[in-house]
């Protein structure tokens, strides 16, 4: 993976994009991959992860660590990962509190963010033909099926099962429109993982990271191939996934029964507009600081 010429402020922007991805990944129903797409770093992220292969060991022995670091775009990955990890550890408790105490506002914000990203993806495809439209429709239906799956009831969570869940969740986490956190909800491990992060349970965190790494490295190879050979079809599928996922995060499902008209209409619309504004900000940062 070729490294771009970047300055310190560019890496600072990548760090904050990572924080936005991490904050989104904490919320069940919102994908960090969607944020990466909006911020203009998605394909670079997939390419950088896909560059991490067993053959790198030979490259290290022959050409040294510097060549390995350039191949995997190490500066980019470190800045982004630092932002993601910072957001997860710093914001997990806050977002969990807001989901319980102010669900309408936070769901409305993320609904606006995700909905606005659909227009961003739509513009990314130069020509929409019947094949791309059909791909988006099928992907939308698939996302709706996933959204309406009943959550698993898992009382006793083993480390082996957690490892497996992490592999699946990380694939969803980098796939726009499908939330890694929501996959954990479906598998019955979301609260367990969030609690482990909040309580600094290093054993659980280490097992989860191990499963996530295996899943991430495997799935990134598939996505890299799809973008290289079926770029617009892949974007069309991602657009469909995002459209289908909107059902999960619409704020009115969390509206209190006693809420008045102001709470039912003005408040959600205001925070939806804020979410859409966040998309414009991310898109601007994506163009200015790559």
Protein backbone atom coordinates (compact mmCIF):
# COMPACT_ATOMS: atom_id res chain seq x y z
CA UNK A 1 0.00 0.00 0.00
CA UNK A 2 1.51 3.31 -1.06
CA UNK A 3 1.89 5.97 1.60
CA UNK A 4 0.65 9.43 0.76
CA UNK A 5 2.70 12.50 1.63
CA UNK A 6 1.03 13.74 4.78
CA UNK A 7 1.74 16.36 7.41
CA UNK A 8 1.07 16.25 11.12
CA UNK A 9 -2.28 18.02 10.75
CA UNK A 10 -3.36 15.37 8.22
CA UNK A 11 -2.68 12.62 10.75
CA UNK A 12 -4.52 14.64 13.40
CA UNK A 13 -7.53 14.73 11.06
CA UNK A 14 -7.24 10.95 10.53
CA UNK A 15 -7.16 10.51 14.32
CA UNK A 16 -10.43 12.45 14.70
CA UNK A 17 -11.98 10.49 11.85
CA UNK A 18 -11.01 7.38 13.81
CA UNK A 19 -12.71 8.81 16.88
CA UNK A 20 -15.88 9.36 14.84
CA UNK A 21 -15.70 5.75 13.65
CA UNK A 22 -15.19 4.48 17.20
CA UNK A 23 -18.09 6.53 18.54
CA UNK A 24 -20.37 5.17 15.79
CA UNK A 25 -19.27 1.58 16.41
CA UNK A 26 -20.38 1.79 20.04
CA UNK A 27 -24.00 2.44 18.98
CA UNK A 28 -25.96 -0.68 17.94
CA UNK A 29 -27.19 -0.02 14.41
CA UNK A 30 -24.51 2.47 13.30
CA UNK A 31 -21.44 1.34 11.36
CA UNK A 32 -17.97 2.81 11.63
CA UNK A 33 -17.54 1.79 7.99
CA UNK A 34 -20.21 4.34 7.06
CA UNK A 35 -18.16 7.05 8.76
CA UNK A 36 -15.02 5.91 6.91
CA UNK A 37 -16.87 6.16 3.58
CA UNK A 38 -18.13 9.66 4.31
CA UNK A 39 -14.69 10.78 5.51
CA UNK A 40 -13.08 9.57 2.27
CA UNK A 41 -10.78 6.96 3.81
CA UNK A 42 -12.72 3.72 3.34
CA UNK A 43 -10.91 2.26 0.35
CA UNK A 44 -7.51 3.28 1.76
CA UNK A 45 -8.44 1.60 5.04
CA UNK A 46 -9.46 -1.64 3.30
CA UNK A 47 -6.33 -1.61 1.13
CA UNK A 48 -4.06 -0.99 4.11
CA UNK A 49 -5.60 -3.81 6.16
CA UNK A 50 -5.52 -6.18 3.18
CA UNK A 51 -1.78 -5.50 2.83
CA UNK A 52 -1.18 -7.25 6.17
CA UNK A 53 -0.25 -10.76 5.01
CA UNK A 54 2.08 -13.57 6.16
CA UNK A 55 4.47 -12.60 3.33
CA UNK A 56 5.32 -9.43 5.24
CA UNK A 57 7.68 -11.48 7.39
CA UNK A 58 9.87 -12.14 4.34
CA UNK A 59 9.71 -8.46 3.37
CA UNK A 60 10.88 -7.50 6.88
CA UNK A 61 13.84 -9.89 6.72
CA UNK A 62 14.91 -8.74 3.23
CA UNK A 63 14.21 -5.00 3.27
CA UNK A 64 13.76 -4.10 6.93
CA UNK A 65 10.96 -2.78 9.11
CA UNK A 66 10.70 0.53 7.22
CA UNK A 67 9.68 -1.28 4.02
CA UNK A 68 7.10 -3.31 5.93
CA UNK A 69 5.70 -0.16 7.56
CA UNK A 70 5.33 1.57 4.18
CA UNK A 71 3.64 -1.49 2.67
CA UNK A 72 0.89 -1.59 5.30
CA UNK A 73 0.54 2.22 5.37
CA UNK A 74 1.47 2.07 9.04
CA UNK A 75 1.24 5.79 9.86
CA UNK A 76 -2.32 5.93 8.54
CA UNK A 77 -3.41 2.77 10.38
CA UNK A 78 -1.84 3.86 13.67
CA UNK A 79 -3.46 7.31 13.60
CA UNK A 80 -6.86 5.84 12.71
CA UNK A 81 -6.66 2.99 15.23
CA UNK A 82 -5.60 5.39 17.98
CA UNK A 83 -8.73 7.46 17.30
CA UNK A 84 -11.02 4.41 17.24
CA UNK A 85 -9.63 2.99 20.50
CA UNK A 86 -9.71 6.41 22.19
CA UNK A 87 -13.38 6.89 21.29
CA UNK A 88 -14.39 3.39 22.43
CA UNK A 89 -12.73 3.76 25.83
CA UNK A 90 -13.59 7.44 26.37
CA UNK A 91 -17.10 7.50 24.94
CA UNK A 92 -18.49 3.99 25.62
CA UNK A 93 -19.82 5.01 29.04
CA UNK A 94 -21.19 8.34 27.82
CA UNK A 95 -22.97 6.85 24.81
CA UNK A 96 -24.36 4.03 26.94
CA UNK A 97 -25.75 6.66 29.36
CA UNK A 98 -27.26 8.74 26.53
CA UNK A 99 -28.87 5.66 24.95
CA UNK A 100 -30.63 5.04 28.27
CA UNK A 101 -31.42 8.63 29.28
CA UNK A 102 -31.78 10.52 25.97
CA UNK A 103 -32.49 7.82 23.36
CA UNK A 104 -34.55 9.98 20.99
CA UNK A 105 -31.83 12.61 20.63
CA UNK A 106 -28.92 10.24 20.06
CA UNK A 107 -30.84 7.94 17.70
CA UNK A 108 -32.11 10.98 15.76
CA UNK A 109 -28.53 12.28 15.41
CA UNK A 110 -27.23 8.98 14.06
CA UNK A 111 -30.32 8.55 11.85
CA UNK A 112 -29.54 11.91 10.22
CA UNK A 113 -25.90 10.96 9.84
CA UNK A 114 -26.63 7.60 8.22
CA UNK A 115 -29.48 8.93 6.03
CA UNK A 116 -27.30 11.75 4.68
CA UNK A 117 -24.56 9.24 3.86
CA UNK A 118 -26.92 7.59 1.34
CA UNK A 119 -26.81 10.73 -0.82
CA UNK A 120 -23.01 10.72 -0.49
CA UNK A 121 -22.86 7.13 -1.78
CA UNK A 122 -25.40 7.82 -4.53
CA UNK A 123 -23.17 10.56 -5.91
CA UNK A 124 -20.11 8.27 -5.76
CA UNK A 125 -21.53 6.11 -8.55
CA UNK A 126 -21.27 7.85 -11.92
CA UNK A 127 -24.02 5.87 -13.67
CA UNK A 128 -26.86 3.93 -12.05
CA UNK A 129 -28.11 1.16 -14.33
CA UNK A 130 -30.58 -1.70 -13.74
CA UNK A 131 -27.83 -4.01 -12.47
CA UNK A 132 -26.67 -1.57 -9.81
CA UNK A 133 -30.23 -0.73 -8.75
CA UNK A 134 -31.08 -4.43 -8.39
CA UNK A 135 -27.91 -4.98 -6.36
CA UNK A 136 -28.90 -2.14 -4.01
CA UNK A 137 -32.42 -3.55 -3.63
CA UNK A 138 -31.14 -7.05 -2.78
CA UNK A 139 -28.66 -5.61 -0.28
CA UNK A 140 -31.43 -3.51 1.28
CA UNK A 141 -33.62 -6.60 1.71
CA UNK A 142 -30.68 -8.50 3.25
CA UNK A 143 -30.10 -5.67 5.73
CA UNK A 144 -33.80 -5.64 6.66
CA UNK A 145 -33.72 -9.40 7.30
CA UNK A 146 -30.70 -8.96 9.60
CA UNK A 147 -32.36 -6.04 11.41
CA UNK A 148 -35.47 -8.07 12.21
CA UNK A 149 -33.65 -11.17 13.43
CA UNK A 150 -34.47 -11.84 17.12
CA UNK A 151 -31.54 -11.27 19.52
CA UNK A 152 -29.95 -14.39 20.96
CA UNK A 153 -30.46 -15.02 24.67
CA UNK A 154 -27.03 -16.06 25.94
CA UNK A 155 -26.71 -16.32 29.70
CA UNK A 156 -23.28 -17.96 29.84
CA UNK A 157 -20.77 -16.48 27.39
CA UNK A 158 -17.61 -18.54 26.89
CA UNK A 159 -14.35 -17.03 25.64
CA UNK A 160 -14.50 -19.26 22.54
CA UNK A 161 -18.00 -17.96 21.69
CA UNK A 162 -16.82 -14.39 22.33
CA UNK A 163 -13.90 -14.94 19.93
CA UNK A 164 -16.35 -16.13 17.24
CA UNK A 165 -18.67 -13.17 17.88
CA UNK A 166 -15.75 -10.75 17.54
CA UNK A 167 -14.86 -12.22 14.14
CA UNK A 168 -18.40 -11.64 12.86
CA UNK A 169 -18.81 -8.23 14.47
CA UNK A 170 -15.61 -6.78 13.03
CA UNK A 171 -16.70 -7.81 9.52
CA UNK A 172 -19.94 -5.89 10.05
CA UNK A 173 -18.06 -3.02 11.68
CA UNK A 174 -16.11 -2.24 8.49
CA UNK A 175 -19.10 -2.91 6.24
CA UNK A 176 -21.11 0.33 5.84
CA UNK A 177 -24.73 -0.04 6.84
CA UNK A 178 -24.30 -3.09 9.07
CA UNK A 179 -23.28 -2.30 12.63
CA UNK A 180 -20.77 -4.46 14.46
CA UNK A 181 -22.46 -3.51 17.72
CA UNK A 182 -25.83 -4.65 16.36
CA UNK A 183 -24.33 -8.02 15.39
CA UNK A 184 -23.17 -8.34 18.99
CA UNK A 185 -26.73 -7.56 20.12
CA UNK A 186 -28.07 -10.31 17.85
CA UNK A 187 -25.48 -12.74 19.23
CA UNK A 188 -26.30 -11.78 22.82
CA UNK A 189 -22.86 -10.39 23.72
CA UNK A 190 -23.21 -6.60 23.34
CA UNK A 191 -23.81 -5.72 27.00
CA UNK A 192 -21.15 -8.24 28.06
CA UNK A 193 -18.51 -6.59 25.82
CA UNK A 194 -19.47 -3.01 26.73
CA UNK A 195 -19.38 -3.97 30.42
CA UNK A 196 -15.93 -5.54 29.98
CA UNK A 197 -14.63 -2.36 28.32
CA UNK A 198 -16.11 -0.20 31.06
CA UNK A 199 -14.71 -2.46 33.81
CA UNK A 200 -11.30 -2.84 32.06
CA UNK A 201 -11.62 -6.66 31.97
CA UNK A 202 -8.35 -7.33 30.14
CA UNK A 203 -8.97 -11.04 29.53
CA UNK A 204 -12.28 -10.45 27.76
CA UNK A 205 -10.86 -7.46 25.87
CA UNK A 206 -7.83 -9.47 24.70
CA UNK A 207 -9.98 -12.39 23.46
CA UNK A 208 -12.30 -9.98 21.65
CA UNK A 209 -9.38 -8.16 20.00
CA UNK A 210 -7.90 -11.49 18.90
CA UNK A 211 -11.12 -12.58 17.22
CA UNK A 212 -11.58 -9.14 15.67
CA UNK A 213 -8.06 -9.19 14.18
CA UNK A 214 -8.58 -12.59 12.54
CA UNK A 215 -11.96 -11.57 11.12
CA UNK A 216 -10.71 -8.18 9.96
CA UNK A 217 -7.66 -9.47 8.08
CA UNK A 218 -9.74 -12.13 6.33
CA UNK A 219 -12.67 -9.91 5.36
CA UNK A 220 -10.46 -7.04 4.16
CA UNK A 221 -9.03 -9.29 1.43
CA UNK A 222 -12.55 -9.94 0.12
CA UNK A 223 -13.50 -6.26 0.15
CA UNK A 224 -10.27 -5.25 -1.57
CA UNK A 225 -10.98 -7.72 -4.37
CA UNK A 226 -14.56 -6.47 -4.74
CA UNK A 227 -13.48 -2.83 -4.95
CA UNK A 228 -10.76 -3.68 -7.46
CA UNK A 229 -13.00 -5.71 -9.79
CA UNK A 230 -16.59 -4.57 -9.03
CA UNK A 231 -16.19 -1.05 -7.67
CA UNK A 232 -19.56 0.50 -8.51
CA UNK A 233 -21.51 -2.72 -7.87
CA UNK A 234 -19.89 -2.90 -4.43
CA UNK A 235 -20.83 0.72 -3.70
CA UNK A 236 -24.40 -0.01 -4.85
CA UNK A 237 -24.57 -2.95 -2.44
CA UNK A 238 -23.26 -0.77 0.39
CA UNK A 239 -25.90 1.84 -0.44
CA UNK A 240 -28.60 -0.82 -0.14
CA UNK A 241 -27.21 -2.04 3.17
CA UNK A 242 -27.33 1.48 4.58
CA UNK A 243 -30.91 2.10 3.37
CA UNK A 244 -32.05 -1.15 5.00
CA UNK A 245 -30.29 -0.33 8.26
CA UNK A 246 -32.26 2.92 8.70
CA UNK A 247 -35.19 0.94 10.11
CA UNK A 248 -33.07 -0.08 13.09
CA UNK A 249 -32.00 3.42 14.09
CA UNK A 250 -35.08 5.57 13.41
CA UNK A 251 -35.68 7.68 16.56
CA UNK A 252 -39.49 7.45 16.74
CA UNK A 253 -39.26 3.82 17.88
CA UNK A 254 -37.74 5.14 21.13
CA UNK A 255 -40.31 7.91 21.66
CA UNK A 256 -42.00 7.91 25.11
CA UNK A 257 -45.75 7.32 24.92
CA UNK A 258 -46.46 10.54 26.83
CA UNK A 259 -44.30 12.74 24.55
CA UNK A 260 -45.95 15.91 23.20
CA UNK A 261 -45.85 17.19 19.63
CA UNK A 262 -42.64 19.17 20.24
CA UNK A 263 -40.80 16.08 21.40
CA UNK A 264 -42.29 13.95 18.64
CA UNK A 265 -41.47 16.27 15.76
CA UNK A 266 -39.19 19.26 16.43
CA UNK A 267 -36.62 17.55 18.67
CA UNK A 268 -36.01 14.53 16.38
CA UNK A 269 -35.87 16.72 13.27
CA UNK A 270 -33.38 19.06 14.93
CA UNK A 271 -31.01 16.23 15.85
CA UNK A 272 -31.49 14.59 12.45
CA UNK A 273 -30.34 17.88 10.92
CA UNK A 274 -27.34 17.88 13.26
CA UNK A 275 -26.45 14.37 12.09
CA UNK A 276 -26.73 15.41 8.46
CA UNK A 277 -24.53 18.42 9.23
CA UNK A 278 -21.94 16.05 10.72
CA UNK A 279 -21.86 14.23 7.36
CA UNK A 280 -21.10 17.49 5.54
CA UNK A 281 -18.33 18.20 8.05
CA UNK A 282 -16.83 14.73 7.63
CA UNK A 283 -17.05 15.00 3.85
CA UNK A 284 -15.25 18.36 3.98
CA UNK A 285 -12.52 16.92 6.20
CA UNK A 286 -12.29 13.93 3.89
CA UNK A 287 -11.55 16.17 0.91
CA UNK A 288 -9.26 18.60 2.71
CA UNK A 289 -7.27 16.20 4.88
CA UNK A 290 -6.61 12.83 3.27
